[in-house]
């Protein structure tokens, strides 16, 4: 079975491009958080009290940066998963097969495709 080449307005392509951009942003943010965490570790090992370290830390805190990255990746990943499932469905792949490919139940794929997936 031959499938047509993807069009430039393919929602799955846009979602995957957005995911790649978010991964790149996340890597950069996590690198900055790592540098700050290593400095906090060095300061603590040098004997500075936790209260002093936390109150002196510039915003966003390391933990805030990590939370932001996780949230952004979860959002972009969910959008990509939904659009990928929809693209597979447009190629006449069954919901059961999509579920097997994604390692989830067919009910999860149905909810994802209907936009009611509770993990999104």
PDB file of N, CA and C in Angstrom:
ATOM      1  N   UNK A   1       0.846  -1.176   0.000  1.00  0.00           N
ATOM      2  CA  UNK A   1       0.000   0.000   0.000  1.00  0.00           C
ATOM      3  C   UNK A   1       0.887   1.232   0.000  1.00  0.00           C
ATOM      4  N   UNK A   2       0.676   2.110  -0.947  1.00  0.00           N
ATOM      5  CA  UNK A   2       1.457   3.330  -1.077  1.00  0.00           C
ATOM      6  C   UNK A   2       0.701   4.480  -0.425  1.00  0.00           C
ATOM      7  N   UNK A   3       1.417   5.247   0.377  1.00  0.00           N
ATOM      8  CA  UNK A   3       0.786   6.404   1.007  1.00  0.00           C
ATOM      9  C   UNK A   3       1.330   7.662   0.359  1.00  0.00           C
ATOM     10  N   UNK A   4       0.495   8.678   0.255  1.00  0.00           N
ATOM     11  CA  UNK A   4       0.966   9.923  -0.342  1.00  0.00           C
ATOM     12  C   UNK A   4       2.012  10.578   0.548  1.00  0.00           C
ATOM     13  N   UNK A   5       2.909  11.368  -0.047  1.00  0.00           N
ATOM     14  CA  UNK A   5       3.901  12.068   0.774  1.00  0.00           C
ATOM     15  C   UNK A   5       3.197  13.050   1.702  1.00  0.00           C
ATOM     16  N   UNK A   6       3.781  13.311   2.876  1.00  0.00           N
ATOM     17  CA  UNK A   6       3.139  14.235   3.814  1.00  0.00           C
ATOM     18  C   UNK A   6       3.051  15.635   3.228  1.00  0.00           C
ATOM     19  N   UNK A   7       1.951  16.280   3.502  1.00  0.00           N
ATOM     20  CA  UNK A   7       1.791  17.659   3.050  1.00  0.00           C
ATOM     21  C   UNK A   7       2.423  18.596   4.066  1.00  0.00           C
ATOM     22  N   UNK A   8       2.741  19.789   3.633  1.00  0.00           N
ATOM     23  CA  UNK A   8       3.402  20.749   4.522  1.00  0.00           C
ATOM     24  C   UNK A   8       2.465  21.247   5.620  1.00  0.00           C
ATOM     25  N   UNK A   9       1.159  21.008   5.457  1.00  0.00           N
ATOM     26  CA  UNK A   9       0.217  21.441   6.487  1.00  0.00           C
ATOM     27  C   UNK A   9      -0.191  20.288   7.403  1.00  0.00           C
ATOM     28  N   UNK A  10       0.569  19.216   7.382  1.00  0.00           N
ATOM     29  CA  UNK A  10       0.293  18.039   8.208  1.00  0.00           C
ATOM     30  C   UNK A  10       0.430  18.410   9.685  1.00  0.00           C
ATOM     31  N   UNK A  11      -0.648  18.227  10.439  1.00  0.00           N
ATOM     32  CA  UNK A  11      -0.643  18.570  11.868  1.00  0.00           C
ATOM     33  C   UNK A  11       0.384  17.757  12.638  1.00  0.00           C
ATOM     34  N   UNK A  12       0.601  16.509  12.227  1.00  0.00           N
ATOM     35  CA  UNK A  12       1.598  15.676  12.913  1.00  0.00           C
ATOM     36  C   UNK A  12       3.000  16.234  12.708  1.00  0.00           C
ATOM     37  N   UNK A  13       3.286  16.718  11.523  1.00  0.00           N
ATOM     38  CA  UNK A  13       4.597  17.324  11.271  1.00  0.00           C
ATOM     39  C   UNK A  13       4.774  18.565  12.139  1.00  0.00           C
ATOM     40  N   UNK A  14       3.752  19.405  12.195  1.00  0.00           N
ATOM     41  CA  UNK A  14       3.839  20.614  13.029  1.00  0.00           C
ATOM     42  C   UNK A  14       4.032  20.249  14.501  1.00  0.00           C
ATOM     43  N   UNK A  15       3.317  19.224  14.971  1.00  0.00           N
ATOM     44  CA  UNK A  15       3.449  18.805  16.367  1.00  0.00           C
ATOM     45  C   UNK A  15       4.840  18.256  16.650  1.00  0.00           C
ATOM     46  N   UNK A  16       5.385  17.505  15.700  1.00  0.00           N
ATOM     47  CA  UNK A  16       6.728  16.955  15.884  1.00  0.00           C
ATOM     48  C   UNK A  16       7.782  18.064  15.842  1.00  0.00           C
ATOM     49  N   UNK A  17       7.601  19.029  14.955  1.00  0.00           N
ATOM     50  CA  UNK A  17       8.517  20.180  14.925  1.00  0.00           C
ATOM     51  C   UNK A  17       8.466  20.946  16.245  1.00  0.00           C
ATOM     52  N   UNK A  18       7.268  21.139  16.770  1.00  0.00           N
ATOM     53  CA  UNK A  18       7.115  21.832  18.056  1.00  0.00           C
ATOM     54  C   UNK A  18       7.773  21.039  19.178  1.00  0.00           C
ATOM     55  N   UNK A  19       7.647  19.716  19.131  1.00  0.00           N
ATOM     56  CA  UNK A  19       8.281  18.873  20.144  1.00  0.00           C
ATOM     57  C   UNK A  19       9.797  18.988  20.074  1.00  0.00           C
ATOM     58  N   UNK A  20      10.346  18.965  18.879  1.00  0.00           N
ATOM     59  CA  UNK A  20      11.801  19.111  18.721  1.00  0.00           C
ATOM     60  C   UNK A  20      12.263  20.453  19.279  1.00  0.00           C
ATOM     61  N   UNK A  21      11.532  21.513  18.978  1.00  0.00           N
ATOM     62  CA  UNK A  21      11.884  22.832  19.513  1.00  0.00           C
ATOM     63  C   UNK A  21      11.811  22.845  21.037  1.00  0.00           C
ATOM     64  N   UNK A  22      10.795  22.206  21.593  1.00  0.00           N
ATOM     65  CA  UNK A  22      10.655  22.166  23.049  1.00  0.00           C
ATOM     66  C   UNK A  22      11.764  21.340  23.687  1.00  0.00           C
ATOM     67  N   UNK A  23      12.154  20.260  23.041  1.00  0.00           N
ATOM     68  CA  UNK A  23      13.282  19.465  23.542  1.00  0.00           C
ATOM     69  C   UNK A  23      14.541  20.320  23.564  1.00  0.00           C
ATOM     70  N   UNK A  24      14.781  21.062  22.490  1.00  0.00           N
ATOM     71  CA  UNK A  24      15.968  21.929  22.433  1.00  0.00           C
ATOM     72  C   UNK A  24      15.940  22.970  23.551  1.00  0.00           C
ATOM     73  N   UNK A  25      14.783  23.622  23.749  1.00  0.00           N
ATOM     74  CA  UNK A  25      14.654  24.606  24.829  1.00  0.00           C
ATOM     75  C   UNK A  25      14.875  23.946  26.190  1.00  0.00           C
ATOM     76  N   UNK A  26      14.334  22.763  26.336  1.00  0.00           N
ATOM     77  CA  UNK A  26      14.447  22.044  27.609  1.00  0.00           C
ATOM     78  C   UNK A  26      15.893  21.674  27.912  1.00  0.00           C
ATOM     79  N   UNK A  27      16.602  21.219  26.912  1.00  0.00           N
ATOM     80  CA  UNK A  27      18.023  20.877  27.107  1.00  0.00           C
ATOM     81  C   UNK A  27      18.796  22.101  27.574  1.00  0.00           C
ATOM     82  N   UNK A  28      18.541  23.239  26.932  1.00  0.00           N
ATOM     83  CA  UNK A  28      19.224  24.475  27.332  1.00  0.00           C
ATOM     84  C   UNK A  28      18.878  24.859  28.763  1.00  0.00           C
ATOM     85  N   UNK A  29      17.596  24.796  29.103  1.00  0.00           N
ATOM     86  CA  UNK A  29      17.158  25.165  30.453  1.00  0.00           C
ATOM     87  C   UNK A  29      17.709  24.195  31.489  1.00  0.00           C
ATOM     88  N   UNK A  30      17.727  22.924  31.165  1.00  0.00           N
ATOM     89  CA  UNK A  30      18.270  21.940  32.101  1.00  0.00           C
ATOM     90  C   UNK A  30      19.779  22.095  32.271  1.00  0.00           C
ATOM     91  N   UNK A  31      20.466  22.500  31.235  1.00  0.00           N
ATOM     92  CA  UNK A  31      21.904  22.773  31.368  1.00  0.00           C
ATOM     93  C   UNK A  31      22.129  23.936  32.336  1.00  0.00           C
ATOM     94  N   UNK A  32      21.317  24.994  32.202  1.00  0.00           N
ATOM     95  CA  UNK A  32      21.429  26.130  33.131  1.00  0.00           C
ATOM     96  C   UNK A  32      21.108  25.677  34.560  1.00  0.00           C
ATOM     97  N   UNK A  33      20.065  24.869  34.712  1.00  0.00           N
ATOM     98  CA  UNK A  33      19.687  24.377  36.039  1.00  0.00           C
ATOM     99  C   UNK A  33      20.794  23.505  36.619  1.00  0.00           C
ATOM    100  N   UNK A  34      21.429  22.720  35.781  1.00  0.00           N
ATOM    101  CA  UNK A  34      22.521  21.858  36.253  1.00  0.00           C
ATOM    102  C   UNK A  34      23.687  22.697  36.771  1.00  0.00           C
ATOM    103  N   UNK A  35      24.047  23.723  36.031  1.00  0.00           N
ATOM    104  CA  UNK A  35      25.144  24.598  36.462  1.00  0.00           C
ATOM    105  C   UNK A  35      24.816  25.205  37.821  1.00  0.00           C
ATOM    106  N   UNK A  36      23.581  25.684  37.963  1.00  0.00           N
ATOM    107  CA  UNK A  36      23.169  26.284  39.238  1.00  0.00           C
ATOM    108  C   UNK A  36      23.145  25.250  40.357  1.00  0.00           C
ATOM    109  N   UNK A  37      22.680  24.025  40.061  1.00  0.00           N
ATOM    110  CA  UNK A  37      22.627  22.975  41.069  1.00  0.00           C
ATOM    111  C   UNK A  37      24.037  22.578  41.519  1.00  0.00           C
ATOM    112  N   UNK A  38      24.959  22.507  40.594  1.00  0.00           N
ATOM    113  CA  UNK A  38      26.350  22.182  40.944  1.00  0.00           C
ATOM    114  C   UNK A  38      26.922  23.272  41.847  1.00  0.00           C
ATOM    115  N   UNK A  39      26.599  24.534  41.556  1.00  0.00           N
ATOM    116  CA  UNK A  39      27.077  25.631  42.403  1.00  0.00           C
ATOM    117  C   UNK A  39      26.453  25.550  43.794  1.00  0.00           C
ATOM    118  N   UNK A  40      25.161  25.257  43.859  1.00  0.00           N
ATOM    119  CA  UNK A  40      24.505  25.084  45.167  1.00  0.00           C
ATOM    120  C   UNK A  40      25.169  23.960  45.959  1.00  0.00           C
ATOM    121  N   UNK A  41      25.467  22.884  45.290  1.00  0.00           N
ATOM    122  CA  UNK A  41      26.120  21.749  45.942  1.00  0.00           C
ATOM    123  C   UNK A  41      27.489  22.152  46.491  1.00  0.00           C
ATOM    124  N   UNK A  42      28.252  22.872  45.686  1.00  0.00           N
ATOM    125  CA  UNK A  42      29.570  23.331  46.136  1.00  0.00           C
ATOM    126  C   UNK A  42      29.446  24.276  47.323  1.00  0.00           C
ATOM    127  N   UNK A  43      28.475  25.182  47.253  1.00  0.00           N
ATOM    128  CA  UNK A  43      28.267  26.115  48.364  1.00  0.00           C
ATOM    129  C   UNK A  43      27.862  25.383  49.636  1.00  0.00           C
ATOM    130  N   UNK A  44      26.997  24.397  49.502  1.00  0.00           N
ATOM    131  CA  UNK A  44      26.569  23.640  50.677  1.00  0.00           C
ATOM    132  C   UNK A  44      27.736  22.850  51.263  1.00  0.00           C
ATOM    133  N   UNK A  45      28.510  22.236  50.400  1.00  0.00           N
ATOM    134  CA  UNK A  45      29.680  21.482  50.874  1.00  0.00           C
ATOM    135  C   UNK A  45      30.713  22.393  51.522  1.00  0.00           C
ATOM    136  N   UNK A  46      30.684  23.671  51.156  1.00  0.00           N
ATOM    137  CA  UNK A  46      31.593  24.649  51.765  1.00  0.00           C
ATOM    138  C   UNK A  46      31.056  25.128  53.112  1.00  0.00           C
ATOM    139  N   UNK A  47      29.877  24.633  53.513  1.00  0.00           N
ATOM    140  CA  UNK A  47      29.358  24.939  54.837  1.00  0.00           C
ATOM    141  C   UNK A  47      28.263  25.978  54.911  1.00  0.00           C
ATOM    142  N   UNK A  48      27.825  26.508  53.778  1.00  0.00           N
ATOM    143  CA  UNK A  48      26.745  27.495  53.824  1.00  0.00           C
ATOM    144  C   UNK A  48      25.435  26.818  54.205  1.00  0.00           C
ATOM    145  N   UNK A  49      24.643  27.433  55.082  1.00  0.00           N
ATOM    146  CA  UNK A  49      23.372  26.833  55.501  1.00  0.00           C
ATOM    147  C   UNK A  49      22.342  26.846  54.368  1.00  0.00           C
ATOM    148  N   UNK A  50      21.422  25.864  54.405  1.00  0.00           N
ATOM    149  CA  UNK A  50      20.392  25.753  53.377  1.00  0.00           C
ATOM    150  C   UNK A  50      19.551  27.014  53.261  1.00  0.00           C
ATOM    151  N   UNK A  51      19.163  27.597  54.387  1.00  0.00           N
ATOM    152  CA  UNK A  51      18.322  28.789  54.326  1.00  0.00           C
ATOM    153  C   UNK A  51      19.028  29.911  53.574  1.00  0.00           C
ATOM    154  N   UNK A  52      20.282  30.076  53.829  1.00  0.00           N
ATOM    155  CA  UNK A  52      21.058  31.102  53.122  1.00  0.00           C
ATOM    156  C   UNK A  52      21.125  30.796  51.625  1.00  0.00           C
ATOM    157  N   UNK A  53      21.330  29.541  51.288  1.00  0.00           N
ATOM    158  CA  UNK A  53      21.425  29.159  49.872  1.00  0.00           C
ATOM    159  C   UNK A  53      20.108  29.383  49.141  1.00  0.00           C
ATOM    160  N   UNK A  54      19.028  28.948  49.769  1.00  0.00           N
ATOM    161  CA  UNK A  54      17.729  29.061  49.112  1.00  0.00           C
ATOM    162  C   UNK A  54      17.287  30.518  48.994  1.00  0.00           C
ATOM    163  N   UNK A  55      17.495  31.294  50.023  1.00  0.00           N
ATOM    164  CA  UNK A  55      17.064  32.699  49.967  1.00  0.00           C
ATOM    165  C   UNK A  55      17.946  33.520  49.034  1.00  0.00           C
ATOM    166  N   UNK A  56      19.169  33.088  48.809  1.00  0.00           N
ATOM    167  CA  UNK A  56      20.070  33.823  47.919  1.00  0.00           C
ATOM    168  C   UNK A  56      19.928  33.386  46.458  1.00  0.00           C
ATOM    169  N   UNK A  57      19.298  32.238  46.238  1.00  0.00           N
ATOM    170  CA  UNK A  57      19.195  31.714  44.876  1.00  0.00           C
ATOM    171  C   UNK A  57      18.291  32.601  44.028  1.00  0.00           C
ATOM    172  N   UNK A  58      18.769  32.930  42.835  1.00  0.00           N
ATOM    173  CA  UNK A  58      17.990  33.756  41.906  1.00  0.00           C
ATOM    174  C   UNK A  58      16.833  32.945  41.320  1.00  0.00           C
ATOM    175  N   UNK A  59      15.757  33.646  40.995  1.00  0.00           N
ATOM    176  CA  UNK A  59      14.607  33.015  40.351  1.00  0.00           C
ATOM    177  C   UNK A  59      14.883  32.875  38.862  1.00  0.00           C
ATOM    178  N   UNK A  60      14.351  31.857  38.251  1.00  0.00           N
ATOM    179  CA  UNK A  60      13.633  30.760  38.864  1.00  0.00           C
ATOM    180  C   UNK A  60      14.590  29.829  39.607  1.00  0.00           C
ATOM    181  N   UNK A  61      14.092  29.263  40.706  1.00  0.00           N
ATOM    182  CA  UNK A  61      14.874  28.297  41.455  1.00  0.00           C
ATOM    183  C   UNK A  61      15.130  27.069  40.576  1.00  0.00           C
ATOM    184  N   UNK A  62      16.141  26.297  40.921  1.00  0.00           N
ATOM    185  CA  UNK A  62      16.448  25.085  40.163  1.00  0.00           C
ATOM    186  C   UNK A  62      15.203  24.208  40.047  1.00  0.00           C
ATOM    187  N   UNK A  63      14.520  24.005  41.145  1.00  0.00           N
ATOM    188  CA  UNK A  63      13.337  23.147  41.141  1.00  0.00           C
ATOM    189  C   UNK A  63      12.224  23.748  40.279  1.00  0.00           C
ATOM    190  N   UNK A  64      12.111  25.069  40.243  1.00  0.00           N
ATOM    191  CA  UNK A  64      11.114  25.718  39.382  1.00  0.00           C
ATOM    192  C   UNK A  64      11.455  25.488  37.907  1.00  0.00           C
ATOM    193  N   UNK A  65      12.728  25.601  37.575  1.00  0.00           N
ATOM    194  CA  UNK A  65      13.158  25.370  36.193  1.00  0.00           C
ATOM    195  C   UNK A  65      12.835  23.955  35.752  1.00  0.00           C
ATOM    196  N   UNK A  66      13.105  23.002  36.617  1.00  0.00           N
ATOM    197  CA  UNK A  66      12.837  21.603  36.286  1.00  0.00           C
ATOM    198  C   UNK A  66      11.338  21.378  36.107  1.00  0.00           C
ATOM    199  N   UNK A  67      10.532  21.932  36.994  1.00  0.00           N
ATOM    200  CA  UNK A  67       9.075  21.785  36.888  1.00  0.00           C
ATOM    201  C   UNK A  67       8.546  22.395  35.592  1.00  0.00           C
ATOM    202  N   UNK A  68       9.070  23.542  35.225  1.00  0.00           N
ATOM    203  CA  UNK A  68       8.656  24.196  33.989  1.00  0.00           C
ATOM    204  C   UNK A  68       9.008  23.342  32.775  1.00  0.00           C
ATOM    205  N   UNK A  69      10.207  22.800  32.772  1.00  0.00           N
ATOM    206  CA  UNK A  69      10.650  21.941  31.665  1.00  0.00           C
ATOM    207  C   UNK A  69       9.752  20.709  31.561  1.00  0.00           C
ATOM    208  N   UNK A  70       9.496  20.063  32.684  1.00  0.00           N
ATOM    209  CA  UNK A  70       8.655  18.858  32.664  1.00  0.00           C
ATOM    210  C   UNK A  70       7.259  19.160  32.142  1.00  0.00           C
ATOM    211  N   UNK A  71       6.689  20.267  32.569  1.00  0.00           N
ATOM    212  CA  UNK A  71       5.356  20.641  32.118  1.00  0.00           C
ATOM    213  C   UNK A  71       5.335  20.928  30.616  1.00  0.00           C
ATOM    214  N   UNK A  72       6.311  21.676  30.145  1.00  0.00           N
ATOM    215  CA  UNK A  72       6.366  22.018  28.718  1.00  0.00           C
ATOM    216  C   UNK A  72       6.575  20.770  27.863  1.00  0.00           C
ATOM    217  N   UNK A  73       7.435  19.863  28.311  1.00  0.00           N
ATOM    218  CA  UNK A  73       7.652  18.630  27.562  1.00  0.00           C
ATOM    219  C   UNK A  73       6.399  17.755  27.566  1.00  0.00           C
ATOM    220  N   UNK A  74       5.706  17.702  28.690  1.00  0.00           N
ATOM    221  CA  UNK A  74       4.486  16.907  28.765  1.00  0.00           C
ATOM    222  C   UNK A  74       3.437  17.436  27.792  1.00  0.00           C
ATOM    223  N   UNK A  75       3.298  18.752  27.720  1.00  0.00           N
ATOM    224  CA  UNK A  75       2.324  19.356  26.815  1.00  0.00           C
ATOM    225  C   UNK A  75       2.687  19.079  25.357  1.00  0.00           C
ATOM    226  N   UNK A  76       3.929  19.337  24.996  1.00  0.00           N
ATOM    227  CA  UNK A  76       4.362  19.107  23.615  1.00  0.00           C
ATOM    228  C   UNK A  76       4.311  17.629  23.264  1.00  0.00           C
ATOM    229  N   UNK A  77       4.680  16.772  24.204  1.00  0.00           N
ATOM    230  CA  UNK A  77       4.643  15.332  23.966  1.00  0.00           C
ATOM    231  C   UNK A  77       3.231  14.823  23.770  1.00  0.00           C
ATOM    232  N   UNK A  78       2.297  15.341  24.557  1.00  0.00           N
ATOM    233  CA  UNK A  78       0.899  14.933  24.420  1.00  0.00           C
ATOM    234  C   UNK A  78       0.349  15.349  23.053  1.00  0.00           C
ATOM    235  N   UNK A  79       0.653  16.568  22.645  1.00  0.00           N
ATOM    236  CA  UNK A  79       0.181  17.043  21.344  1.00  0.00           C
ATOM    237  C   UNK A  79       0.744  16.169  20.227  1.00  0.00           C
ATOM    238  N   UNK A  80       2.032  15.854  20.317  1.00  0.00           N
ATOM    239  CA  UNK A  80       2.658  14.998  19.308  1.00  0.00           C
ATOM    240  C   UNK A  80       2.006  13.611  19.300  1.00  0.00           C
ATOM    241  N   UNK A  81       1.793  13.031  20.475  1.00  0.00           N
ATOM    242  CA  UNK A  81       1.184  11.698  20.548  1.00  0.00           C
ATOM    243  C   UNK A  81      -0.211  11.712  19.917  1.00  0.00           C
ATOM    244  N   UNK A  82      -1.009  12.746  20.223  1.00  0.00           N
ATOM    245  CA  UNK A  82      -2.360  12.835  19.665  1.00  0.00           C
ATOM    246  C   UNK A  82      -2.308  12.958  18.139  1.00  0.00           C
ATOM    247  N   UNK A  83      -1.441  13.835  17.651  1.00  0.00           N
ATOM    248  CA  UNK A  83      -1.357  14.041  16.196  1.00  0.00           C
ATOM    249  C   UNK A  83      -0.764  12.828  15.489  1.00  0.00           C
ATOM    250  N   UNK A  84       0.163  12.146  16.130  1.00  0.00           N
ATOM    251  CA  UNK A  84       0.742  10.935  15.551  1.00  0.00           C
ATOM    252  C   UNK A  84      -0.340   9.846  15.450  1.00  0.00           C
ATOM    253  N   UNK A  85      -1.125   9.692  16.500  1.00  0.00           N
ATOM    254  CA  UNK A  85      -2.216   8.714  16.479  1.00  0.00           C
ATOM    255  C   UNK A  85      -3.225   9.062  15.392  1.00  0.00           C
ATOM    256  N   UNK A  86      -3.553  10.341  15.269  1.00  0.00           N
ATOM    257  CA  UNK A  86      -4.508  10.771  14.242  1.00  0.00           C
ATOM    258  C   UNK A  86      -3.948  10.517  12.842  1.00  0.00           C
ATOM    259  N   UNK A  87      -2.654  10.760  12.660  1.00  0.00           N
ATOM    260  CA  UNK A  87      -2.030  10.515  11.357  1.00  0.00           C
ATOM    261  C   UNK A  87      -2.067   9.023  11.021  1.00  0.00           C
ATOM    262  N   UNK A  88      -1.800   8.187  12.006  1.00  0.00           N
ATOM    263  CA  UNK A  88      -1.874   6.740  11.783  1.00  0.00           C
ATOM    264  C   UNK A  88      -3.303   6.321  11.434  1.00  0.00           C
ATOM    265  N   UNK A  89      -4.261   6.892  12.135  1.00  0.00           N
ATOM    266  CA  UNK A  89      -5.662   6.572  11.859  1.00  0.00           C
ATOM    267  C   UNK A  89      -6.033   6.998  10.434  1.00  0.00           C
ATOM    268  N   UNK A  90      -5.554   8.156   9.987  1.00  0.00           N
ATOM    269  CA  UNK A  90      -5.820   8.609   8.609  1.00  0.00           C
ATOM    270  C   UNK A  90      -5.204   7.649   7.592  1.00  0.00           C
ATOM    271  N   UNK A  91      -4.147   6.946   7.996  1.00  0.00           N
ATOM    272  CA  UNK A  91      -3.528   5.949   7.119  1.00  0.00           C
ATOM    273  C   UNK A  91      -4.199   4.580   7.263  1.00  0.00           C
ATOM    274  N   UNK A  92      -5.383   4.576   7.886  1.00  0.00           N
ATOM    275  CA  UNK A  92      -6.196   3.372   8.031  1.00  0.00           C
ATOM    276  C   UNK A  92      -5.594   2.336   8.992  1.00  0.00           C
ATOM    277  N   UNK A  93      -4.755   2.783   9.929  1.00  0.00           N
ATOM    278  CA  UNK A  93      -4.234   1.890  10.963  1.00  0.00           C
ATOM    279  C   UNK A  93      -5.314   1.782  12.036  1.00  0.00           C
ATOM    280  N   UNK A  94      -5.602   0.573  12.467  1.00  0.00           N
ATOM    281  CA  UNK A  94      -6.673   0.368  13.438  1.00  0.00           C
ATOM    282  C   UNK A  94      -6.280   0.929  14.808  1.00  0.00           C
ATOM    283  N   UNK A  95      -7.303   1.244  15.590  1.00  0.00           N
ATOM    284  CA  UNK A  95      -7.073   1.733  16.954  1.00  0.00           C
ATOM    285  C   UNK A  95      -6.337   0.679  17.772  1.00  0.00           C
ATOM    286  N   UNK A  96      -6.676  -0.586  17.561  1.00  0.00           N
ATOM    287  CA  UNK A  96      -5.974  -1.659  18.274  1.00  0.00           C
ATOM    288  C   UNK A  96      -4.485  -1.674  17.929  1.00  0.00           C
ATOM    289  N   UNK A  97      -4.168  -1.495  16.675  1.00  0.00           N
ATOM    290  CA  UNK A  97      -2.754  -1.492  16.238  1.00  0.00           C
ATOM    291  C   UNK A  97      -2.035  -0.255  16.787  1.00  0.00           C
ATOM    292  N   UNK A  98      -2.686   0.893  16.750  1.00  0.00           N
ATOM    293  CA  UNK A  98      -2.085   2.119  17.301  1.00  0.00           C
ATOM    294  C   UNK A  98      -1.819   1.926  18.792  1.00  0.00           C
ATOM    295  N   UNK A  99      -2.779   1.354  19.489  1.00  0.00           N
ATOM    296  CA  UNK A  99      -2.606   1.092  20.923  1.00  0.00           C
ATOM    297  C   UNK A  99      -1.403   0.195  21.166  1.00  0.00           C
ATOM    298  N   UNK A 100      -1.270  -0.851  20.348  1.00  0.00           N
ATOM    299  CA  UNK A 100      -0.123  -1.755  20.498  1.00  0.00           C
ATOM    300  C   UNK A 100       1.187  -1.019  20.212  1.00  0.00           C
ATOM    301  N   UNK A 101       1.197  -0.180  19.191  1.00  0.00           N
ATOM    302  CA  UNK A 101       2.407   0.583  18.858  1.00  0.00           C
ATOM    303  C   UNK A 101       2.802   1.534  19.989  1.00  0.00           C
ATOM    304  N   UNK A 102       1.801   2.133  20.633  1.00  0.00           N
ATOM    305  CA  UNK A 102       2.045   3.108  21.703  1.00  0.00           C
ATOM    306  C   UNK A 102       2.203   2.455  23.067  1.00  0.00           C
ATOM    307  N   UNK A 103       1.853   1.169  23.155  1.00  0.00           N
ATOM    308  CA  UNK A 103       1.967   0.471  24.430  1.00  0.00           C
ATOM    309  C   UNK A 103       0.909   0.876  25.450  1.00  0.00           C
ATOM    310  N   UNK A 104      -0.283   1.208  24.946  1.00  0.00           N
ATOM    311  CA  UNK A 104      -1.396   1.600  25.819  1.00  0.00           C
ATOM    312  C   UNK A 104      -2.642   0.829  25.394  1.00  0.00           C
ATOM    313  N   UNK A 105      -3.733   1.037  26.108  1.00  0.00           N
ATOM    314  CA  UNK A 105      -4.979   0.358  25.768  1.00  0.00           C
ATOM    315  C   UNK A 105      -5.670   1.045  24.592  1.00  0.00           C
ATOM    316  N   UNK A 106      -6.567   0.302  23.967  1.00  0.00           N
ATOM    317  CA  UNK A 106      -7.335   0.895  22.867  1.00  0.00           C
ATOM    318  C   UNK A 106      -8.237   2.007  23.393  1.00  0.00           C
ATOM    319  N   UNK A 107      -8.683   1.888  24.658  1.00  0.00           N
ATOM    320  CA  UNK A 107      -9.511   2.935  25.258  1.00  0.00           C
ATOM    321  C   UNK A 107      -8.713   4.237  25.384  1.00  0.00           C
ATOM    322  N   UNK A 108      -7.443   4.127  25.736  1.00  0.00           N
ATOM    323  CA  UNK A 108      -6.599   5.322  25.846  1.00  0.00           C
ATOM    324  C   UNK A 108      -6.448   5.993  24.490  1.00  0.00           C
ATOM    325  N   UNK A 109      -6.260   5.195  23.439  1.00  0.00           N
ATOM    326  CA  UNK A 109      -6.135   5.762  22.092  1.00  0.00           C
ATOM    327  C   UNK A 109      -7.447   6.402  21.659  1.00  0.00           C
ATOM    328  N   UNK A 110      -8.547   5.750  21.941  1.00  0.00           N
ATOM    329  CA  UNK A 110      -9.855   6.337  21.602  1.00  0.00           C
ATOM    330  C   UNK A 110     -10.038   7.682  22.298  1.00  0.00           C
ATOM    331  N   UNK A 111      -9.705   7.723  23.583  1.00  0.00           N
ATOM    332  CA  UNK A 111      -9.822   8.987  24.326  1.00  0.00           C
ATOM    333  C   UNK A 111      -8.871  10.035  23.769  1.00  0.00           C
ATOM    334  N   UNK A 112      -7.676   9.620  23.429  1.00  0.00           N
ATOM    335  CA  UNK A 112      -6.691  10.543  22.866  1.00  0.00           C
ATOM    336  C   UNK A 112      -7.204  11.147  21.566  1.00  0.00           C
ATOM    337  N   UNK A 113      -7.742  10.309  20.712  1.00  0.00           N
ATOM    338  CA  UNK A 113      -8.244  10.777  19.416  1.00  0.00           C
ATOM    339  C   UNK A 113      -9.495  11.649  19.554  1.00  0.00           C
ATOM    340  N   UNK A 114     -10.268  11.420  20.595  1.00  0.00           N
ATOM    341  CA  UNK A 114     -11.474  12.236  20.843  1.00  0.00           C
ATOM    342  C   UNK A 114     -11.130  13.505  21.633  1.00  0.00           C
ATOM    343  N   UNK A 115      -9.890  13.594  22.109  1.00  0.00           N
ATOM    344  CA  UNK A 115      -9.492  14.764  22.889  1.00  0.00           C
ATOM    345  C   UNK A 115      -9.920  14.699  24.336  1.00  0.00           C
ATOM    346  N   UNK A 116     -10.245  13.504  24.829  1.00  0.00           N
ATOM    347  CA  UNK A 116     -10.679  13.367  26.222  1.00  0.00           C
ATOM    348  C   UNK A 116      -9.683  12.563  27.047  1.00  0.00           C
ATOM    349  N   UNK A 117      -8.465  12.398  26.554  1.00  0.00           N
ATOM    350  CA  UNK A 117      -7.459  11.623  27.294  1.00  0.00           C
ATOM    351  C   UNK A 117      -7.091  12.349  28.582  1.00  0.00           C
ATOM    352  N   UNK A 118      -7.292  11.712  29.745  1.00  0.00           N
ATOM    353  CA  UNK A 118      -7.032  12.383  31.016  1.00  0.00           C
ATOM    354  C   UNK A 118      -5.560  12.673  31.270  1.00  0.00           C
ATOM    355  N   UNK A 119      -4.645  12.064  30.504  1.00  0.00           N
ATOM    356  CA  UNK A 119      -3.220  12.317  30.707  1.00  0.00           C
ATOM    357  C   UNK A 119      -2.750  13.561  29.981  1.00  0.00           C
ATOM    358  N   UNK A 120      -3.637  14.187  29.212  1.00  0.00           N
ATOM    359  CA  UNK A 120      -3.233  15.346  28.426  1.00  0.00           C
ATOM    360  C   UNK A 120      -3.589  16.598  29.103  1.00  0.00           C
TER     361      UNK A 120
END
